[in-house]
Amino acid sequence: MTIATTNSDKFMNDRTAQGSVSPRKLRAGKRIDWKERIFHGLFLTSAVIGIVSLFVIAYFIIKESIPAFEEVGISGIVLGEDWLPPALYGVATMIVASVVSTFGAVVIGVPIGVLTAIFIAEIAPKRLADIIRPAVELLAGIPSVVYGFFGLIIIVPLIQQVFDVPAGNTILAGMIVLGVMILPTVITVSETSIRAVPAAYKEGSLALGASNIFTIFKLLVPAARSGIMTGVILGIGRALGETMAIIMVMGNAPAMPQGILDSARTLTANIAIEMSYASGVHANALYATGVVLLVFIMMLNAALLYLNREKAK
């Protein structure tokens, strides 16, 4: 009887203790639950706003471009080589100029950017890295028109003098300017990706007798490949979407370029130059140019992401 009474009293005391504490815990749990719900709704709303904005922009551009596609046809715009409003609205020459200038910018900027990121993340002393990193960030903050002035004053006359061409406003000048402009994006994203590789990878490689350079290029860079590819994709998007600097250094001739020493006009430059005075079908054709640019960027990014996933496997 004594044991039974003792157990009963203990059970009642536990129930009493639980009853005295549980309301507070319940209230605290409810407060936490409401906070979780509020932040969850905030994050979801932000994501929805971003997606909706993309669809609204795409809808507006496509809607405004339909009259041009109906009058000229998709093949007439995409494959046509003559841009002579209000009669001809072919943008094939501008697609070629955009692709070539972007490819040249990637060839120039990506190797320099990745090597700089490796230097900052793995090779440079901390004091030197702390100097280079803010300089790269400052490079990202320079307006594109300043890059255009730099290209117009320095690069364009230099190309004219070195290659003995009538004018230095060429695709080559655009490649160089775009190559410099994508450097901050490629460097920042690549450095972050390299630093994100677990330190155990490098320590294990060095412990096995591998050199520092071998470890960097055979282990760290492949491990950070996904992030580096992301930086490259962002750089390509920056190069394809650049307008002001390209207008200032590429000459803006709406003709099919025969080489990198010819003047050319990109898709973005075409829109910026003529939108202020375009009307009717001419304005619709400029919106169609925007649609072509949007589709082209999406296809390019999708291809690069697919290749990156295949390599990761």
C-alpha atoms as a PDB file:
ATOM      1  CA  MET A   1       0.000   0.000   0.000  1.00  0.00           C
ATOM      2  CA  THR A   2       2.812   2.346   0.816  1.00  0.00           C
ATOM      3  CA  ILE A   3       4.496   1.671  -2.507  1.00  0.00           C
ATOM      4  CA  ALA A   4       1.235   2.142  -4.391  1.00  0.00           C
ATOM      5  CA  THR A   5       0.555   5.410  -2.599  1.00  0.00           C
ATOM      6  CA  THR A   6       4.053   6.659  -3.305  1.00  0.00           C
ATOM      7  CA  ASN A   7       3.783   5.863  -7.005  1.00  0.00           C
ATOM      8  CA  SER A   8       0.363   7.488  -7.175  1.00  0.00           C
ATOM      9  CA  ASP A   9       1.670  10.640  -5.506  1.00  0.00           C
ATOM     10  CA  LYS A  10       4.635  10.725  -7.872  1.00  0.00           C
ATOM     11  CA  PHE A  11       2.333  10.335 -10.880  1.00  0.00           C
ATOM     12  CA  MET A  12       0.112  13.172  -9.657  1.00  0.00           C
ATOM     13  CA  ASN A  13       3.114  15.386  -8.991  1.00  0.00           C
ATOM     14  CA  ASP A  14       4.419  14.728 -12.507  1.00  0.00           C
ATOM     15  CA  ARG A  15       1.020  15.520 -13.981  1.00  0.00           C
ATOM     16  CA  THR A  16       0.833  18.688 -11.895  1.00  0.00           C
ATOM     17  CA  ALA A  17       4.329  19.693 -12.981  1.00  0.00           C
ATOM     18  CA  GLN A  18       3.482  19.050 -16.592  1.00  0.00           C
ATOM     19  CA  GLY A  19       0.269  20.973 -16.276  1.00  0.00           C
ATOM     20  CA  SER A  20       2.066  23.986 -14.796  1.00  0.00           C
ATOM     21  CA  VAL A  21       4.745  24.090 -17.541  1.00  0.00           C
ATOM     22  CA  SER A  22       2.928  22.999 -20.660  1.00  0.00           C
ATOM     23  CA  PRO A  23       0.830  26.180 -21.185  1.00  0.00           C
ATOM     24  CA  ARG A  24       3.990  28.282 -21.385  1.00  0.00           C
ATOM     25  CA  LYS A  25       5.566  25.822 -23.742  1.00  0.00           C
ATOM     26  CA  LEU A  26       2.431  25.783 -25.818  1.00  0.00           C
ATOM     27  CA  ARG A  27       2.360  29.579 -25.983  1.00  0.00           C
ATOM     28  CA  ALA A  28       6.065  29.700 -26.890  1.00  0.00           C
ATOM     29  CA  GLY A  29       5.515  27.021 -29.491  1.00  0.00           C
ATOM     30  CA  LYS A  30       2.613  28.961 -30.957  1.00  0.00           C
ATOM     31  CA  ARG A  31       4.722  32.132 -31.119  1.00  0.00           C
ATOM     32  CA  ILE A  32       7.527  30.252 -32.869  1.00  0.00           C
ATOM     33  CA  ASP A  33       5.005  28.643 -35.194  1.00  0.00           C
ATOM     34  CA  TRP A  34       3.551  32.040 -36.151  1.00  0.00           C
ATOM     35  CA  LYS A  35       7.022  33.457 -36.754  1.00  0.00           C
ATOM     36  CA  GLU A  36       7.873  30.491 -38.947  1.00  0.00           C
ATOM     37  CA  ARG A  37       4.675  30.973 -40.915  1.00  0.00           C
ATOM     38  CA  ILE A  38       5.269  34.709 -41.346  1.00  0.00           C
ATOM     39  CA  PHE A  39       8.808  34.234 -42.648  1.00  0.00           C
ATOM     40  CA  HIS A  40       7.731  31.308 -44.798  1.00  0.00           C
ATOM     41  CA  GLY A  41       5.045  33.505 -46.358  1.00  0.00           C
ATOM     42  CA  LEU A  42       7.550  36.336 -46.841  1.00  0.00           C
ATOM     43  CA  PHE A  43      10.025  34.092 -48.637  1.00  0.00           C
ATOM     44  CA  LEU A  44       7.289  32.529 -50.751  1.00  0.00           C
ATOM     45  CA  THR A  45       5.937  35.963 -51.681  1.00  0.00           C
ATOM     46  CA  SER A  46       9.401  37.132 -52.749  1.00  0.00           C
ATOM     47  CA  ALA A  47       9.873  34.059 -54.912  1.00  0.00           C
ATOM     48  CA  VAL A  48       6.434  34.471 -56.484  1.00  0.00           C
ATOM     49  CA  ILE A  49       7.094  38.158 -57.211  1.00  0.00           C
ATOM     50  CA  GLY A  50      10.328  37.255 -59.009  1.00  0.00           C
ATOM     51  CA  ILE A  51       8.666  34.575 -61.133  1.00  0.00           C
ATOM     52  CA  VAL A  52       5.617  36.713 -61.885  1.00  0.00           C
ATOM     53  CA  SER A  53       7.848  39.637 -62.891  1.00  0.00           C
ATOM     54  CA  LEU A  54       9.660  37.405 -65.377  1.00  0.00           C
ATOM     55  CA  PHE A  55       6.397  36.196 -66.911  1.00  0.00           C
ATOM     56  CA  VAL A  56       4.936  39.717 -67.042  1.00  0.00           C
ATOM     57  CA  ILE A  57       7.997  41.065 -68.843  1.00  0.00           C
ATOM     58  CA  ALA A  58       8.029  38.136 -71.261  1.00  0.00           C
ATOM     59  CA  TYR A  59       4.284  38.515 -71.892  1.00  0.00           C
ATOM     60  CA  PHE A  60       4.587  42.245 -72.557  1.00  0.00           C
ATOM     61  CA  ILE A  61       7.511  41.860 -74.968  1.00  0.00           C
ATOM     62  CA  ILE A  62       5.905  38.973 -76.851  1.00  0.00           C
ATOM     63  CA  LYS A  63       2.544  40.763 -77.054  1.00  0.00           C
ATOM     64  CA  GLU A  64       4.122  43.895 -78.500  1.00  0.00           C
ATOM     65  CA  SER A  65       6.178  41.887 -81.008  1.00  0.00           C
ATOM     66  CA  ILE A  66       3.286  39.897 -82.509  1.00  0.00           C
ATOM     67  CA  PRO A  67       2.419  42.488 -85.238  1.00  0.00           C
ATOM     68  CA  ALA A  68       5.999  42.374 -86.525  1.00  0.00           C
ATOM     69  CA  PHE A  69       6.067  38.580 -86.585  1.00  0.00           C
ATOM     70  CA  GLU A  70       2.701  38.554 -88.385  1.00  0.00           C
ATOM     71  CA  GLU A  71       3.854  41.009 -91.052  1.00  0.00           C
ATOM     72  CA  VAL A  72       7.436  39.850 -91.603  1.00  0.00           C
ATOM     73  CA  GLY A  73       7.340  36.297 -90.296  1.00  0.00           C
ATOM     74  CA  ILE A  74       9.612  34.583 -87.803  1.00  0.00           C
ATOM     75  CA  SER A  75      12.060  33.477 -90.490  1.00  0.00           C
ATOM     76  CA  GLY A  76      12.061  36.949 -92.012  1.00  0.00           C
ATOM     77  CA  ILE A  77      13.160  38.485 -88.721  1.00  0.00           C
ATOM     78  CA  VAL A  78      15.482  35.790 -87.423  1.00  0.00           C
ATOM     79  CA  LEU A  79      17.120  34.829 -90.737  1.00  0.00           C
ATOM     80  CA  GLY A  80      16.876  38.136 -92.586  1.00  0.00           C
ATOM     81  CA  GLU A  81      20.196  39.919 -93.082  1.00  0.00           C
ATOM     82  CA  ASP A  82      18.848  43.364 -93.972  1.00  0.00           C
ATOM     83  CA  TRP A  83      17.631  45.895 -91.416  1.00  0.00           C
ATOM     84  CA  LEU A  84      16.072  48.753 -93.373  1.00  0.00           C
ATOM     85  CA  PRO A  85      12.909  50.037 -91.637  1.00  0.00           C
ATOM     86  CA  PRO A  86      10.126  50.363 -92.620  1.00  0.00           C
ATOM     87  CA  ALA A  87      10.670  47.692 -95.291  1.00  0.00           C
ATOM     88  CA  LEU A  88      13.096  45.070 -93.950  1.00  0.00           C
ATOM     89  CA  TYR A  89      13.543  43.892 -90.365  1.00  0.00           C
ATOM     90  CA  GLY A  90      16.118  41.113 -90.469  1.00  0.00           C
ATOM     91  CA  VAL A  91      18.281  40.714 -87.346  1.00  0.00           C
ATOM     92  CA  ALA A  92      20.548  37.844 -88.414  1.00  0.00           C
ATOM     93  CA  THR A  93      23.528  40.192 -88.683  1.00  0.00           C
ATOM     94  CA  MET A  94      22.901  41.403 -85.128  1.00  0.00           C
ATOM     95  CA  ILE A  95      22.617  37.840 -83.828  1.00  0.00           C
ATOM     96  CA  VAL A  96      25.998  37.066 -85.377  1.00  0.00           C
ATOM     97  CA  ALA A  97      27.522  40.224 -83.892  1.00  0.00           C
ATOM     98  CA  SER A  98      26.112  39.424 -80.442  1.00  0.00           C
ATOM     99  CA  VAL A  99      27.357  35.826 -80.549  1.00  0.00           C
ATOM    100  CA  VAL A 100      30.824  36.694 -81.822  1.00  0.00           C
ATOM    101  CA  SER A 101      31.393  39.565 -79.396  1.00  0.00           C
ATOM    102  CA  THR A 102      30.154  37.482 -76.463  1.00  0.00           C
ATOM    103  CA  PHE A 103      32.305  34.511 -77.467  1.00  0.00           C
ATOM    104  CA  GLY A 104      35.333  36.779 -77.713  1.00  0.00           C
ATOM    105  CA  ALA A 105      34.565  38.268 -74.303  1.00  0.00           C
ATOM    106  CA  VAL A 106      34.379  34.761 -72.804  1.00  0.00           C
ATOM    107  CA  VAL A 107      37.680  33.767 -74.429  1.00  0.00           C
ATOM    108  CA  ILE A 108      39.343  36.882 -73.013  1.00  0.00           C
ATOM    109  CA  GLY A 109      37.603  37.256 -69.671  1.00  0.00           C
ATOM    110  CA  VAL A 110      36.959  33.738 -68.364  1.00  0.00           C
ATOM    111  CA  PRO A 111      40.582  32.466 -68.215  1.00  0.00           C
ATOM    112  CA  ILE A 112      41.748  35.712 -66.626  1.00  0.00           C
ATOM    113  CA  GLY A 113      38.831  35.708 -64.189  1.00  0.00           C
ATOM    114  CA  VAL A 114      39.229  32.077 -63.103  1.00  0.00           C
ATOM    115  CA  LEU A 115      43.011  32.391 -62.679  1.00  0.00           C
ATOM    116  CA  THR A 116      42.537  35.581 -60.661  1.00  0.00           C
ATOM    117  CA  ALA A 117      39.986  33.821 -58.454  1.00  0.00           C
ATOM    118  CA  ILE A 118      42.423  30.955 -57.876  1.00  0.00           C
ATOM    119  CA  PHE A 119      45.166  33.422 -57.006  1.00  0.00           C
ATOM    120  CA  ILE A 120      42.992  35.286 -54.500  1.00  0.00           C
ATOM    121  CA  ALA A 121      41.547  32.160 -52.901  1.00  0.00           C
ATOM    122  CA  GLU A 122      44.582  29.868 -52.715  1.00  0.00           C
ATOM    123  CA  ILE A 123      47.880  31.519 -53.603  1.00  0.00           C
ATOM    124  CA  ALA A 124      47.968  35.192 -52.631  1.00  0.00           C
ATOM    125  CA  PRO A 125      49.008  36.190 -49.098  1.00  0.00           C
ATOM    126  CA  LYS A 126      46.114  37.428 -47.007  1.00  0.00           C
ATOM    127  CA  ARG A 127      47.235  41.065 -47.127  1.00  0.00           C
ATOM    128  CA  LEU A 128      47.505  41.019 -50.910  1.00  0.00           C
ATOM    129  CA  ALA A 129      44.184  39.190 -51.272  1.00  0.00           C
ATOM    130  CA  ASP A 130      42.535  41.804 -49.058  1.00  0.00           C
ATOM    131  CA  ILE A 131      43.741  44.470 -51.498  1.00  0.00           C
ATOM    132  CA  ILE A 132      42.776  42.683 -54.719  1.00  0.00           C
ATOM    133  CA  ARG A 133      39.297  41.648 -53.571  1.00  0.00           C
ATOM    134  CA  PRO A 134      38.000  45.218 -52.949  1.00  0.00           C
ATOM    135  CA  ALA A 135      39.566  46.303 -56.240  1.00  0.00           C
ATOM    136  CA  VAL A 136      37.559  43.617 -58.053  1.00  0.00           C
ATOM    137  CA  GLU A 137      34.406  44.708 -56.254  1.00  0.00           C
ATOM    138  CA  LEU A 138      35.130  48.304 -57.262  1.00  0.00           C
ATOM    139  CA  LEU A 139      35.508  47.137 -60.858  1.00  0.00           C
ATOM    140  CA  ALA A 140      31.989  45.721 -60.645  1.00  0.00           C
ATOM    141  CA  GLY A 141      30.618  49.084 -59.535  1.00  0.00           C
ATOM    142  CA  ILE A 142      31.955  51.091 -62.487  1.00  0.00           C
ATOM    143  CA  PRO A 143      29.098  52.201 -64.797  1.00  0.00           C
ATOM    144  CA  SER A 144      29.083  50.703 -68.277  1.00  0.00           C
ATOM    145  CA  VAL A 145      29.344  54.141 -69.867  1.00  0.00           C
ATOM    146  CA  VAL A 146      32.741  54.560 -68.189  1.00  0.00           C
ATOM    147  CA  TYR A 147      33.878  51.298 -69.748  1.00  0.00           C
ATOM    148  CA  GLY A 148      32.617  52.671 -73.048  1.00  0.00           C
ATOM    149  CA  PHE A 149      34.640  55.860 -72.634  1.00  0.00           C
ATOM    150  CA  PHE A 150      37.718  53.817 -71.797  1.00  0.00           C
ATOM    151  CA  GLY A 151      37.244  51.705 -74.906  1.00  0.00           C
ATOM    152  CA  LEU A 152      36.537  54.720 -77.087  1.00  0.00           C
ATOM    153  CA  ILE A 153      39.587  56.677 -75.931  1.00  0.00           C
ATOM    154  CA  ILE A 154      42.144  53.882 -75.440  1.00  0.00           C
ATOM    155  CA  ILE A 155      41.161  50.657 -77.190  1.00  0.00           C
ATOM    156  CA  VAL A 156      39.590  52.012 -80.387  1.00  0.00           C
ATOM    157  CA  PRO A 157      42.574  54.229 -81.389  1.00  0.00           C
ATOM    158  CA  LEU A 158      44.980  51.426 -80.432  1.00  0.00           C
ATOM    159  CA  ILE A 159      43.203  48.930 -82.712  1.00  0.00           C
ATOM    160  CA  GLN A 160      43.142  51.476 -85.526  1.00  0.00           C
ATOM    161  CA  GLN A 161      46.873  52.042 -85.168  1.00  0.00           C
ATOM    162  CA  VAL A 162      47.985  48.435 -84.663  1.00  0.00           C
ATOM    163  CA  PHE A 163      45.841  46.824 -87.381  1.00  0.00           C
ATOM    164  CA  ASP A 164      45.883  49.805 -89.765  1.00  0.00           C
ATOM    165  CA  VAL A 165      42.100  49.875 -90.278  1.00  0.00           C
ATOM    166  CA  PRO A 166      40.032  52.923 -91.264  1.00  0.00           C
ATOM    167  CA  ALA A 167      38.292  52.953 -87.874  1.00  0.00           C
ATOM    168  CA  GLY A 168      38.922  51.140 -84.631  1.00  0.00           C
ATOM    169  CA  ASN A 169      35.214  50.812 -83.788  1.00  0.00           C
ATOM    170  CA  THR A 170      35.166  47.080 -84.398  1.00  0.00           C
ATOM    171  CA  ILE A 171      33.960  43.789 -82.968  1.00  0.00           C
ATOM    172  CA  LEU A 172      37.449  43.306 -81.510  1.00  0.00           C
ATOM    173  CA  ALA A 173      37.048  46.485 -79.464  1.00  0.00           C
ATOM    174  CA  GLY A 174      33.708  45.185 -78.202  1.00  0.00           C
ATOM    175  CA  MET A 175      35.285  41.842 -77.271  1.00  0.00           C
ATOM    176  CA  ILE A 176      37.992  43.517 -75.203  1.00  0.00           C
ATOM    177  CA  VAL A 177      35.595  45.852 -73.401  1.00  0.00           C
ATOM    178  CA  LEU A 178      33.125  43.053 -72.672  1.00  0.00           C
ATOM    179  CA  GLY A 179      35.974  40.791 -71.546  1.00  0.00           C
ATOM    180  CA  VAL A 180      36.955  43.384 -68.934  1.00  0.00           C
ATOM    181  CA  MET A 181      33.340  43.962 -67.898  1.00  0.00           C
ATOM    182  CA  ILE A 182      32.616  40.305 -67.104  1.00  0.00           C
ATOM    183  CA  LEU A 183      35.745  39.937 -64.954  1.00  0.00           C
ATOM    184  CA  PRO A 184      34.143  40.988 -61.620  1.00  0.00           C
ATOM    185  CA  THR A 185      31.293  38.500 -62.001  1.00  0.00           C
ATOM    186  CA  VAL A 186      33.533  35.589 -62.970  1.00  0.00           C
ATOM    187  CA  ILE A 187      36.142  36.372 -60.296  1.00  0.00           C
ATOM    188  CA  THR A 188      33.703  36.855 -57.416  1.00  0.00           C
ATOM    189  CA  VAL A 189      31.574  33.770 -58.072  1.00  0.00           C
ATOM    190  CA  SER A 190      34.585  31.566 -58.869  1.00  0.00           C
ATOM    191  CA  GLU A 191      36.469  32.635 -55.756  1.00  0.00           C
ATOM    192  CA  THR A 192      33.447  31.948 -53.559  1.00  0.00           C
ATOM    193  CA  SER A 193      33.064  28.502 -55.115  1.00  0.00           C
ATOM    194  CA  ILE A 194      36.724  27.626 -54.626  1.00  0.00           C
ATOM    195  CA  ARG A 195      36.632  28.749 -50.996  1.00  0.00           C
ATOM    196  CA  ALA A 196      33.524  26.616 -50.444  1.00  0.00           C
ATOM    197  CA  VAL A 197      35.428  23.401 -51.219  1.00  0.00           C
ATOM    198  CA  PRO A 198      36.043  21.572 -47.883  1.00  0.00           C
ATOM    199  CA  ALA A 199      39.534  22.110 -46.524  1.00  0.00           C
ATOM    200  CA  ALA A 200      39.901  18.362 -46.015  1.00  0.00           C
ATOM    201  CA  TYR A 201      40.176  17.916 -49.796  1.00  0.00           C
ATOM    202  CA  LYS A 202      43.263  20.094 -50.010  1.00  0.00           C
ATOM    203  CA  GLU A 203      44.775  18.777 -46.793  1.00  0.00           C
ATOM    204  CA  GLY A 204      44.347  15.173 -47.912  1.00  0.00           C
ATOM    205  CA  SER A 205      45.910  15.869 -51.307  1.00  0.00           C
ATOM    206  CA  LEU A 206      48.889  17.661 -49.812  1.00  0.00           C
ATOM    207  CA  ALA A 207      49.299  14.914 -47.221  1.00  0.00           C
ATOM    208  CA  LEU A 208      49.565  12.367 -50.024  1.00  0.00           C
ATOM    209  CA  GLY A 209      52.465  14.301 -51.519  1.00  0.00           C
ATOM    210  CA  ALA A 210      50.740  16.278 -54.271  1.00  0.00           C
ATOM    211  CA  SER A 211      52.039  19.749 -55.029  1.00  0.00           C
ATOM    212  CA  ASN A 212      49.984  22.856 -54.331  1.00  0.00           C
ATOM    213  CA  ILE A 213      49.454  23.642 -58.040  1.00  0.00           C
ATOM    214  CA  PHE A 214      48.488  20.028 -58.785  1.00  0.00           C
ATOM    215  CA  THR A 215      45.985  20.112 -55.922  1.00  0.00           C
ATOM    216  CA  ILE A 216      44.471  23.362 -57.146  1.00  0.00           C
ATOM    217  CA  PHE A 217      43.963  22.362 -60.780  1.00  0.00           C
ATOM    218  CA  LYS A 218      43.258  18.653 -60.338  1.00  0.00           C
ATOM    219  CA  LEU A 219      41.164  18.755 -57.175  1.00  0.00           C
ATOM    220  CA  LEU A 220      39.903  22.167 -56.069  1.00  0.00           C
ATOM    221  CA  VAL A 221      38.916  23.545 -59.472  1.00  0.00           C
ATOM    222  CA  PRO A 222      37.039  20.372 -60.534  1.00  0.00           C
ATOM    223  CA  ALA A 223      35.296  20.299 -57.150  1.00  0.00           C
ATOM    224  CA  ALA A 224      34.222  23.937 -57.616  1.00  0.00           C
ATOM    225  CA  ARG A 225      33.301  23.461 -61.282  1.00  0.00           C
ATOM    226  CA  SER A 226      29.576  23.964 -60.726  1.00  0.00           C
ATOM    227  CA  GLY A 227      30.088  27.366 -59.102  1.00  0.00           C
ATOM    228  CA  ILE A 228      32.670  28.401 -61.677  1.00  0.00           C
ATOM    229  CA  MET A 229      30.258  27.506 -64.476  1.00  0.00           C
ATOM    230  CA  THR A 230      27.605  29.599 -62.756  1.00  0.00           C
ATOM    231  CA  GLY A 231      29.984  32.559 -62.813  1.00  0.00           C
ATOM    232  CA  VAL A 232      30.660  31.959 -66.508  1.00  0.00           C
ATOM    233  CA  ILE A 233      26.926  31.832 -67.265  1.00  0.00           C
ATOM    234  CA  LEU A 234      26.347  35.078 -65.382  1.00  0.00           C
ATOM    235  CA  GLY A 235      29.256  36.631 -67.264  1.00  0.00           C
ATOM    236  CA  ILE A 236      27.785  35.547 -70.595  1.00  0.00           C
ATOM    237  CA  GLY A 237      24.462  37.065 -69.602  1.00  0.00           C
ATOM    238  CA  ARG A 238      26.241  40.307 -68.718  1.00  0.00           C
ATOM    239  CA  ALA A 239      28.049  40.350 -72.058  1.00  0.00           C
ATOM    240  CA  LEU A 240      24.923  39.599 -74.103  1.00  0.00           C
ATOM    241  CA  GLY A 241      22.892  42.220 -72.278  1.00  0.00           C
ATOM    242  CA  GLU A 242      25.445  45.027 -72.385  1.00  0.00           C
ATOM    243  CA  THR A 243      24.327  48.036 -74.404  1.00  0.00           C
ATOM    244  CA  MET A 244      25.952  51.407 -73.713  1.00  0.00           C
ATOM    245  CA  ALA A 245      29.592  50.347 -73.908  1.00  0.00           C
ATOM    246  CA  ILE A 246      28.929  48.354 -77.085  1.00  0.00           C
ATOM    247  CA  ILE A 247      27.224  51.310 -78.751  1.00  0.00           C
ATOM    248  CA  MET A 248      30.319  53.406 -78.076  1.00  0.00           C
ATOM    249  CA  VAL A 249      32.995  51.012 -79.366  1.00  0.00           C
ATOM    250  CA  MET A 250      31.545  48.687 -82.051  1.00  0.00           C
ATOM    251  CA  GLY A 251      30.511  51.131 -84.740  1.00  0.00           C
ATOM    252  CA  ASN A 252      26.819  50.060 -84.903  1.00  0.00           C
ATOM    253  CA  ALA A 253      26.806  49.132 -88.598  1.00  0.00           C
ATOM    254  CA  PRO A 254      23.754  46.872 -89.276  1.00  0.00           C
ATOM    255  CA  ALA A 255      25.653  44.743 -91.795  1.00  0.00           C
ATOM    256  CA  MET A 256      26.976  41.196 -91.733  1.00  0.00           C
ATOM    257  CA  PRO A 257      30.543  41.338 -90.339  1.00  0.00           C
ATOM    258  CA  GLN A 258      33.246  39.551 -92.294  1.00  0.00           C
ATOM    259  CA  GLY A 259      35.732  39.526 -89.434  1.00  0.00           C
ATOM    260  CA  ILE A 260      36.441  40.873 -85.980  1.00  0.00           C
ATOM    261  CA  LEU A 261      37.941  44.040 -87.489  1.00  0.00           C
ATOM    262  CA  ASP A 262      34.570  45.050 -88.976  1.00  0.00           C
ATOM    263  CA  SER A 263      31.976  47.289 -87.382  1.00  0.00           C
ATOM    264  CA  ALA A 264      28.765  45.625 -86.239  1.00  0.00           C
ATOM    265  CA  ARG A 265      25.579  46.160 -84.263  1.00  0.00           C
ATOM    266  CA  THR A 266      24.339  43.857 -81.509  1.00  0.00           C
ATOM    267  CA  LEU A 267      20.721  43.089 -80.641  1.00  0.00           C
ATOM    268  CA  THR A 268      20.744  45.264 -77.530  1.00  0.00           C
ATOM    269  CA  ALA A 269      22.409  48.157 -79.345  1.00  0.00           C
ATOM    270  CA  ASN A 270      19.783  47.975 -82.080  1.00  0.00           C
ATOM    271  CA  ILE A 271      16.972  48.350 -79.559  1.00  0.00           C
ATOM    272  CA  ALA A 272      18.653  51.193 -77.669  1.00  0.00           C
ATOM    273  CA  ILE A 273      19.555  53.170 -80.785  1.00  0.00           C
ATOM    274  CA  GLU A 274      16.192  53.092 -82.560  1.00  0.00           C
ATOM    275  CA  MET A 275      13.531  52.741 -79.865  1.00  0.00           C
ATOM    276  CA  SER A 276      13.376  56.475 -79.161  1.00  0.00           C
ATOM    277  CA  TYR A 277      11.985  57.318 -82.608  1.00  0.00           C
ATOM    278  CA  ALA A 278      10.448  54.028 -83.770  1.00  0.00           C
ATOM    279  CA  SER A 279       6.695  53.676 -84.258  1.00  0.00           C
ATOM    280  CA  GLY A 280       4.245  51.199 -85.737  1.00  0.00           C
ATOM    281  CA  VAL A 281       5.706  48.008 -87.106  1.00  0.00           C
ATOM    282  CA  HIS A 282       9.197  49.414 -86.637  1.00  0.00           C
ATOM    283  CA  ALA A 283       8.639  49.545 -82.859  1.00  0.00           C
ATOM    284  CA  ASN A 284       7.076  46.073 -82.942  1.00  0.00           C
ATOM    285  CA  ALA A 285      10.160  44.801 -84.759  1.00  0.00           C
ATOM    286  CA  LEU A 286      12.340  46.166 -81.980  1.00  0.00           C
ATOM    287  CA  TYR A 287      10.223  44.278 -79.469  1.00  0.00           C
ATOM    288  CA  ALA A 288      10.683  41.219 -81.675  1.00  0.00           C
ATOM    289  CA  THR A 289      14.423  41.820 -81.407  1.00  0.00           C
ATOM    290  CA  GLY A 290      13.997  41.686 -77.642  1.00  0.00           C
ATOM    291  CA  VAL A 291      12.128  38.382 -77.950  1.00  0.00           C
ATOM    292  CA  VAL A 292      14.947  36.936 -80.059  1.00  0.00           C
ATOM    293  CA  LEU A 293      17.476  38.093 -77.471  1.00  0.00           C
ATOM    294  CA  LEU A 294      15.427  36.645 -74.597  1.00  0.00           C
ATOM    295  CA  VAL A 295      15.025  33.261 -76.301  1.00  0.00           C
ATOM    296  CA  PHE A 296      18.671  33.201 -77.277  1.00  0.00           C
ATOM    297  CA  ILE A 297      19.845  33.869 -73.708  1.00  0.00           C
ATOM    298  CA  MET A 298      17.487  31.231 -72.318  1.00  0.00           C
ATOM    299  CA  MET A 299      18.708  28.623 -74.808  1.00  0.00           C
ATOM    300  CA  LEU A 300      22.343  29.427 -74.106  1.00  0.00           C
ATOM    301  CA  ASN A 301      21.914  29.275 -70.341  1.00  0.00           C
ATOM    302  CA  ALA A 302      19.938  26.036 -70.592  1.00  0.00           C
ATOM    303  CA  ALA A 303      22.668  24.464 -72.732  1.00  0.00           C
ATOM    304  CA  LEU A 304      25.425  25.509 -70.349  1.00  0.00           C
ATOM    305  CA  LEU A 305      23.486  24.267 -67.319  1.00  0.00           C
ATOM    306  CA  TYR A 306      22.867  20.938 -69.057  1.00  0.00           C
ATOM    307  CA  LEU A 307      26.537  20.535 -69.927  1.00  0.00           C
ATOM    308  CA  ASN A 308      27.488  21.425 -66.357  1.00  0.00           C
ATOM    309  CA  ARG A 309      25.148  18.738 -64.983  1.00  0.00           C
ATOM    310  CA  GLU A 310      26.456  16.147 -67.424  1.00  0.00           C
ATOM    311  CA  LYS A 311      30.039  16.863 -66.367  1.00  0.00           C
ATOM    312  CA  ALA A 312      29.040  16.694 -62.703  1.00  0.00           C
ATOM    313  CA  LYS A 313      27.717  13.163 -63.234  1.00  0.00           C
END
